[in-house]
Amino acid sequence: MDIFGFIRDTIHEIAGTPVEKIKPESTPKELNLDLFDMQELVLDAENEFDVCLPEESKIETIGDLERMITAA
């Protein structure tokens, strides 16, 4: 599965957001993700792709998270 597909599916599982509404330019707030949801999403992504993302990373959009995973 590609990185964005994994992120999209995980957001859907965590927040129940319809997958068609999840886009790279979407913000966590637009997708009903709070701080704890984002932490869960980042941890799931780190485990899935065997990467370690900096805790102080600023994730403003879902695309930011995708780029961070790709660069790690």
PDB file of N, CA and C in Angstrom:
ATOM      1  N   MET A   1       0.850  -1.184   0.000  1.00  0.00           N
ATOM      2  CA  MET A   1       0.000   0.000   0.000  1.00  0.00           C
ATOM      3  C   MET A   1       0.893   1.244   0.000  1.00  0.00           C
ATOM      4  N   ASP A   2       0.473   2.247  -0.730  1.00  0.00           N
ATOM      5  CA  ASP A   2       1.238   3.484  -0.773  1.00  0.00           C
ATOM      6  C   ASP A   2       1.052   4.263   0.532  1.00  0.00           C
ATOM      7  N   ILE A   3       1.918   5.227   0.763  1.00  0.00           N
ATOM      8  CA  ILE A   3       1.906   5.969   2.020  1.00  0.00           C
ATOM      9  C   ILE A   3       0.596   6.720   2.196  1.00  0.00           C
ATOM     10  N   PHE A   4       0.165   7.457   1.178  1.00  0.00           N
ATOM     11  CA  PHE A   4      -1.075   8.217   1.329  1.00  0.00           C
ATOM     12  C   PHE A   4      -2.262   7.289   1.569  1.00  0.00           C
ATOM     13  N   GLY A   5      -2.310   6.163   0.887  1.00  0.00           N
ATOM     14  CA  GLY A   5      -3.394   5.209   1.090  1.00  0.00           C
ATOM     15  C   GLY A   5      -3.437   4.708   2.522  1.00  0.00           C
ATOM     16  N   PHE A   6      -2.271   4.433   3.092  1.00  0.00           N
ATOM     17  CA  PHE A   6      -2.210   3.991   4.483  1.00  0.00           C
ATOM     18  C   PHE A   6      -2.716   5.098   5.408  1.00  0.00           C
ATOM     19  N   ILE A   7      -2.225   6.321   5.197  1.00  0.00           N
ATOM     20  CA  ILE A   7      -2.650   7.449   6.036  1.00  0.00           C
ATOM     21  C   ILE A   7      -4.155   7.648   5.929  1.00  0.00           C
ATOM     22  N   ARG A   8      -4.669   7.638   4.707  1.00  0.00           N
ATOM     23  CA  ARG A   8      -6.103   7.833   4.481  1.00  0.00           C
ATOM     24  C   ARG A   8      -6.917   6.778   5.213  1.00  0.00           C
ATOM     25  N   ASP A   9      -6.536   5.519   5.062  1.00  0.00           N
ATOM     26  CA  ASP A   9      -7.283   4.432   5.701  1.00  0.00           C
ATOM     27  C   ASP A   9      -7.201   4.507   7.222  1.00  0.00           C
ATOM     28  N   THR A  10      -6.050   4.906   7.740  1.00  0.00           N
ATOM     29  CA  THR A  10      -5.882   5.020   9.187  1.00  0.00           C
ATOM     30  C   THR A  10      -6.724   6.165   9.742  1.00  0.00           C
ATOM     31  N   ILE A  11      -6.750   7.294   9.047  1.00  0.00           N
ATOM     32  CA  ILE A  11      -7.602   8.413   9.476  1.00  0.00           C
ATOM     33  C   ILE A  11      -9.057   7.977   9.490  1.00  0.00           C
ATOM     34  N   HIS A  12      -9.457   7.252   8.469  1.00  0.00           N
ATOM     35  CA  HIS A  12     -10.842   6.750   8.412  1.00  0.00           C
ATOM     36  C   HIS A  12     -11.147   5.868   9.622  1.00  0.00           C
ATOM     37  N   GLU A  13     -10.209   5.000   9.987  1.00  0.00           N
ATOM     38  CA  GLU A  13     -10.409   4.122  11.137  1.00  0.00           C
ATOM     39  C   GLU A  13     -10.445   4.906  12.446  1.00  0.00           C
ATOM     40  N   ILE A  14      -9.555   5.883  12.595  1.00  0.00           N
ATOM     41  CA  ILE A  14      -9.453   6.640  13.840  1.00  0.00           C
ATOM     42  C   ILE A  14     -10.642   7.584  14.034  1.00  0.00           C
ATOM     43  N   ALA A  15     -10.943   8.363  12.993  1.00  0.00           N
ATOM     44  CA  ALA A  15     -11.934   9.440  13.143  1.00  0.00           C
ATOM     45  C   ALA A  15     -13.255   9.173  12.438  1.00  0.00           C
ATOM     46  N   GLY A  16     -13.310   8.141  11.605  1.00  0.00           N
ATOM     47  CA  GLY A  16     -14.542   7.873  10.875  1.00  0.00           C
ATOM     48  C   GLY A  16     -14.778   8.819   9.712  1.00  0.00           C
ATOM     49  N   THR A  17     -13.759   9.583   9.353  1.00  0.00           N
ATOM     50  CA  THR A  17     -13.874  10.522   8.240  1.00  0.00           C
ATOM     51  C   THR A  17     -13.987   9.744   6.931  1.00  0.00           C
ATOM     52  N   PRO A  18     -14.981  10.076   6.089  1.00  0.00           N
ATOM     53  CA  PRO A  18     -15.096   9.385   4.805  1.00  0.00           C
ATOM     54  C   PRO A  18     -13.809   9.534   3.981  1.00  0.00           C
ATOM     55  N   VAL A  19     -13.348   8.427   3.399  1.00  0.00           N
ATOM     56  CA  VAL A  19     -12.076   8.446   2.670  1.00  0.00           C
ATOM     57  C   VAL A  19     -12.062   9.451   1.520  1.00  0.00           C
ATOM     58  N   GLU A  20     -13.200   9.687   0.898  1.00  0.00           N
ATOM     59  CA  GLU A  20     -13.227  10.627  -0.230  1.00  0.00           C
ATOM     60  C   GLU A  20     -12.999  12.073   0.217  1.00  0.00           C
ATOM     61  N   LYS A  21     -13.121  12.360   1.505  1.00  0.00           N
ATOM     62  CA  LYS A  21     -12.880  13.711   2.013  1.00  0.00           C
ATOM     63  C   LYS A  21     -11.433  13.918   2.452  1.00  0.00           C
ATOM     64  N   ILE A  22     -10.649  12.849   2.487  1.00  0.00           N
ATOM     65  CA  ILE A  22      -9.267  12.933   2.956  1.00  0.00           C
ATOM     66  C   ILE A  22      -8.356  13.177   1.761  1.00  0.00           C
ATOM     67  N   LYS A  23      -7.750  14.356   1.741  1.00  0.00           N
ATOM     68  CA  LYS A  23      -6.881  14.762   0.636  1.00  0.00           C
ATOM     69  C   LYS A  23      -5.541  15.231   1.211  1.00  0.00           C
ATOM     70  N   PRO A  24      -4.477  15.235   0.407  1.00  0.00           N
ATOM     71  CA  PRO A  24      -3.175  15.683   0.915  1.00  0.00           C
ATOM     72  C   PRO A  24      -3.210  17.087   1.526  1.00  0.00           C
ATOM     73  N   GLU A  25      -4.045  17.956   1.002  1.00  0.00           N
ATOM     74  CA  GLU A  25      -4.107  19.331   1.504  1.00  0.00           C
ATOM     75  C   GLU A  25      -5.017  19.494   2.726  1.00  0.00           C
ATOM     76  N   SER A  26      -5.662  18.418   3.152  1.00  0.00           N
ATOM     77  CA  SER A  26      -6.548  18.474   4.317  1.00  0.00           C
ATOM     78  C   SER A  26      -5.748  18.686   5.596  1.00  0.00           C
ATOM     79  N   THR A  27      -6.313  19.492   6.487  1.00  0.00           N
ATOM     80  CA  THR A  27      -5.683  19.696   7.790  1.00  0.00           C
ATOM     81  C   THR A  27      -6.276  18.706   8.789  1.00  0.00           C
ATOM     82  N   PRO A  28      -5.532  18.404   9.851  1.00  0.00           N
ATOM     83  CA  PRO A  28      -6.095  17.504  10.867  1.00  0.00           C
ATOM     84  C   PRO A  28      -7.439  18.009  11.395  1.00  0.00           C
ATOM     85  N   LYS A  29      -7.550  19.314  11.616  1.00  0.00           N
ATOM     86  CA  LYS A  29      -8.807  19.881  12.138  1.00  0.00           C
ATOM     87  C   LYS A  29      -9.977  19.619  11.185  1.00  0.00           C
ATOM     88  N   GLU A  30      -9.737  19.779   9.884  1.00  0.00           N
ATOM     89  CA  GLU A  30     -10.791  19.530   8.888  1.00  0.00           C
ATOM     90  C   GLU A  30     -11.256  18.077   8.914  1.00  0.00           C
ATOM     91  N   LEU A  31     -10.364  17.186   9.345  1.00  0.00           N
ATOM     92  CA  LEU A  31     -10.664  15.752   9.346  1.00  0.00           C
ATOM     93  C   LEU A  31     -11.094  15.250  10.726  1.00  0.00           C
ATOM     94  N   ASN A  32     -11.355  16.187  11.640  1.00  0.00           N
ATOM     95  CA  ASN A  32     -11.802  15.857  12.998  1.00  0.00           C
ATOM     96  C   ASN A  32     -10.768  15.074  13.790  1.00  0.00           C
ATOM     97  N   LEU A  33      -9.490  15.379  13.574  1.00  0.00           N
ATOM     98  CA  LEU A  33      -8.417  14.722  14.309  1.00  0.00           C
ATOM     99  C   LEU A  33      -7.907  15.652  15.402  1.00  0.00           C
ATOM    100  N   ASP A  34      -7.932  15.183  16.650  1.00  0.00           N
ATOM    101  CA  ASP A  34      -7.362  15.976  17.725  1.00  0.00           C
ATOM    102  C   ASP A  34      -5.906  15.579  17.935  1.00  0.00           C
ATOM    103  N   LEU A  35      -5.265  16.152  18.933  1.00  0.00           N
ATOM    104  CA  LEU A  35      -3.844  15.895  19.178  1.00  0.00           C
ATOM    105  C   LEU A  35      -3.570  14.419  19.416  1.00  0.00           C
ATOM    106  N   PHE A  36      -4.424  13.761  20.188  1.00  0.00           N
ATOM    107  CA  PHE A  36      -4.223  12.341  20.472  1.00  0.00           C
ATOM    108  C   PHE A  36      -4.426  11.479  19.226  1.00  0.00           C
ATOM    109  N   ASP A  37      -5.386  11.853  18.389  1.00  0.00           N
ATOM    110  CA  ASP A  37      -5.594  11.137  17.126  1.00  0.00           C
ATOM    111  C   ASP A  37      -4.354  11.257  16.238  1.00  0.00           C
ATOM    112  N   MET A  38      -3.776  12.457  16.198  1.00  0.00           N
ATOM    113  CA  MET A  38      -2.578  12.662  15.382  1.00  0.00           C
ATOM    114  C   MET A  38      -1.402  11.854  15.916  1.00  0.00           C
ATOM    115  N   GLN A  39      -1.278  11.776  17.229  1.00  0.00           N
ATOM    116  CA  GLN A  39      -0.209  10.962  17.807  1.00  0.00           C
ATOM    117  C   GLN A  39      -0.387   9.501  17.422  1.00  0.00           C
ATOM    118  N   GLU A  40      -1.625   9.032  17.478  1.00  0.00           N
ATOM    119  CA  GLU A  40      -1.910   7.646  17.087  1.00  0.00           C
ATOM    120  C   GLU A  40      -1.583   7.429  15.605  1.00  0.00           C
ATOM    121  N   LEU A  41      -1.960   8.383  14.773  1.00  0.00           N
ATOM    122  CA  LEU A  41      -1.693   8.289  13.334  1.00  0.00           C
ATOM    123  C   LEU A  41      -0.192   8.235  13.066  1.00  0.00           C
ATOM    124  N   VAL A  42       0.565   9.099  13.716  1.00  0.00           N
ATOM    125  CA  VAL A  42       2.022   9.126  13.516  1.00  0.00           C
ATOM    126  C   VAL A  42       2.646   7.819  13.992  1.00  0.00           C
ATOM    127  N   LEU A  43       2.232   7.326  15.150  1.00  0.00           N
ATOM    128  CA  LEU A  43       2.779   6.065  15.656  1.00  0.00           C
ATOM    129  C   LEU A  43       2.460   4.902  14.725  1.00  0.00           C
ATOM    130  N   ASP A  44       1.234   4.856  14.238  1.00  0.00           N
ATOM    131  CA  ASP A  44       0.851   3.796  13.296  1.00  0.00           C
ATOM    132  C   ASP A  44       1.704   3.867  12.029  1.00  0.00           C
ATOM    133  N   ALA A  45       1.922   5.083  11.521  1.00  0.00           N
ATOM    134  CA  ALA A  45       2.724   5.265  10.310  1.00  0.00           C
ATOM    135  C   ALA A  45       4.180   4.879  10.563  1.00  0.00           C
ATOM    136  N   GLU A  46       4.716   5.258  11.723  1.00  0.00           N
ATOM    137  CA  GLU A  46       6.098   4.887  12.049  1.00  0.00           C
ATOM    138  C   GLU A  46       6.250   3.368  12.079  1.00  0.00           C
ATOM    139  N   ASN A  47       5.293   2.696  12.673  1.00  0.00           N
ATOM    140  CA  ASN A  47       5.339   1.232  12.747  1.00  0.00           C
ATOM    141  C   ASN A  47       5.180   0.594  11.369  1.00  0.00           C
ATOM    142  N   GLU A  48       4.257   1.093  10.589  1.00  0.00           N
ATOM    143  CA  GLU A  48       3.989   0.518   9.266  1.00  0.00           C
ATOM    144  C   GLU A  48       5.180   0.660   8.318  1.00  0.00           C
ATOM    145  N   PHE A  49       5.823   1.827   8.350  1.00  0.00           N
ATOM    146  CA  PHE A  49       6.886   2.109   7.385  1.00  0.00           C
ATOM    147  C   PHE A  49       8.285   2.047   8.003  1.00  0.00           C
ATOM    148  N   ASP A  50       8.361   1.612   9.256  1.00  0.00           N
ATOM    149  CA  ASP A  50       9.628   1.424   9.954  1.00  0.00           C
ATOM    150  C   ASP A  50      10.499   2.680   9.885  1.00  0.00           C
ATOM    151  N   VAL A  51       9.913   3.803  10.290  1.00  0.00           N
ATOM    152  CA  VAL A  51      10.617   5.079  10.337  1.00  0.00           C
ATOM    153  C   VAL A  51      10.440   5.684  11.731  1.00  0.00           C
ATOM    154  N   CYS A  52      11.248   6.676  12.021  1.00  0.00           N
ATOM    155  CA  CYS A  52      11.144   7.404  13.280  1.00  0.00           C
ATOM    156  C   CYS A  52      11.061   8.886  12.935  1.00  0.00           C
ATOM    157  N   LEU A  53       9.914   9.491  13.216  1.00  0.00           N
ATOM    158  CA  LEU A  53       9.720  10.898  12.901  1.00  0.00           C
ATOM    159  C   LEU A  53      10.002  11.741  14.139  1.00  0.00           C
ATOM    160  N   PRO A  54      10.608  12.911  13.974  1.00  0.00           N
ATOM    161  CA  PRO A  54      10.895  13.775  15.123  1.00  0.00           C
ATOM    162  C   PRO A  54       9.612  14.181  15.842  1.00  0.00           C
ATOM    163  N   GLU A  55       9.652  14.141  17.170  1.00  0.00           N
ATOM    164  CA  GLU A  55       8.464  14.482  17.950  1.00  0.00           C
ATOM    165  C   GLU A  55       8.021  15.924  17.743  1.00  0.00           C
ATOM    166  N   GLU A  56       8.969  16.817  17.479  1.00  0.00           N
ATOM    167  CA  GLU A  56       8.627  18.231  17.327  1.00  0.00           C
ATOM    168  C   GLU A  56       8.164  18.577  15.911  1.00  0.00           C
ATOM    169  N   SER A  57       7.959  17.583  15.086  1.00  0.00           N
ATOM    170  CA  SER A  57       7.529  17.818  13.708  1.00  0.00           C
ATOM    171  C   SER A  57       6.195  18.553  13.675  1.00  0.00           C
ATOM    172  N   LYS A  58       6.129  19.542  12.799  1.00  0.00           N
ATOM    173  CA  LYS A  58       4.893  20.308  12.648  1.00  0.00           C
ATOM    174  C   LYS A  58       4.149  19.767  11.431  1.00  0.00           C
ATOM    175  N   ILE A  59       3.014  19.168  11.686  1.00  0.00           N
ATOM    176  CA  ILE A  59       2.210  18.585  10.616  1.00  0.00           C
ATOM    177  C   ILE A  59       0.970  19.454  10.441  1.00  0.00           C
ATOM    178  N   GLU A  60       0.985  20.250   9.381  1.00  0.00           N
ATOM    179  CA  GLU A  60      -0.142  21.141   9.126  1.00  0.00           C
ATOM    180  C   GLU A  60      -1.151  20.532   8.172  1.00  0.00           C
ATOM    181  N   THR A  61      -0.687  19.647   7.299  1.00  0.00           N
ATOM    182  CA  THR A  61      -1.591  18.963   6.374  1.00  0.00           C
ATOM    183  C   THR A  61      -1.229  17.481   6.341  1.00  0.00           C
ATOM    184  N   ILE A  62      -2.114  16.693   5.808  1.00  0.00           N
ATOM    185  CA  ILE A  62      -1.853  15.260   5.668  1.00  0.00           C
ATOM    186  C   ILE A  62      -0.690  15.040   4.700  1.00  0.00           C
ATOM    187  N   GLY A  63      -0.572  15.897   3.703  1.00  0.00           N
ATOM    188  CA  GLY A  63       0.552  15.823   2.772  1.00  0.00           C
ATOM    189  C   GLY A  63       1.889  16.032   3.471  1.00  0.00           C
ATOM    190  N   ASP A  64       1.912  16.882   4.515  1.00  0.00           N
ATOM    191  CA  ASP A  64       3.144  17.075   5.293  1.00  0.00           C
ATOM    192  C   ASP A  64       3.592  15.754   5.906  1.00  0.00           C
ATOM    193  N   LEU A  65       2.660  15.025   6.482  1.00  0.00           N
ATOM    194  CA  LEU A  65       2.988  13.738   7.088  1.00  0.00           C
ATOM    195  C   LEU A  65       3.492  12.765   6.023  1.00  0.00           C
ATOM    196  N   GLU A  66       2.848  12.739   4.892  1.00  0.00           N
ATOM    197  CA  GLU A  66       3.266  11.863   3.792  1.00  0.00           C
ATOM    198  C   GLU A  66       4.696  12.182   3.360  1.00  0.00           C
ATOM    199  N   ARG A  67       5.025  13.467   3.205  1.00  0.00           N
ATOM    200  CA  ARG A  67       6.371  13.877   2.796  1.00  0.00           C
ATOM    201  C   ARG A  67       7.409  13.523   3.857  1.00  0.00           C
ATOM    202  N   MET A  68       7.046  13.669   5.130  1.00  0.00           N
ATOM    203  CA  MET A  68       7.973  13.337   6.209  1.00  0.00           C
ATOM    204  C   MET A  68       8.301  11.842   6.205  1.00  0.00           C
ATOM    205  N   ILE A  69       7.302  11.016   5.978  1.00  0.00           N
ATOM    206  CA  ILE A  69       7.526   9.573   5.942  1.00  0.00           C
ATOM    207  C   ILE A  69       8.399   9.224   4.740  1.00  0.00           C
ATOM    208  N   THR A  70       8.137   9.836   3.611  1.00  0.00           N
ATOM    209  CA  THR A  70       8.914   9.578   2.397  1.00  0.00           C
ATOM    210  C   THR A  70      10.378   9.960   2.600  1.00  0.00           C
ATOM    211  N   ALA A  71      10.621  11.059   3.291  1.00  0.00           N
ATOM    212  CA  ALA A  71      11.985  11.559   3.498  1.00  0.00           C
ATOM    213  C   ALA A  71      12.742  10.792   4.579  1.00  0.00           C
ATOM    214  N   ALA A  72      12.018  10.090   5.441  1.00  0.00           N
ATOM    215  CA  ALA A  72      12.668   9.420   6.591  1.00  0.00           C
ATOM    216  C   ALA A  72      13.443   8.181   6.157  1.00  0.00           C
TER     217      ALA A  72
END
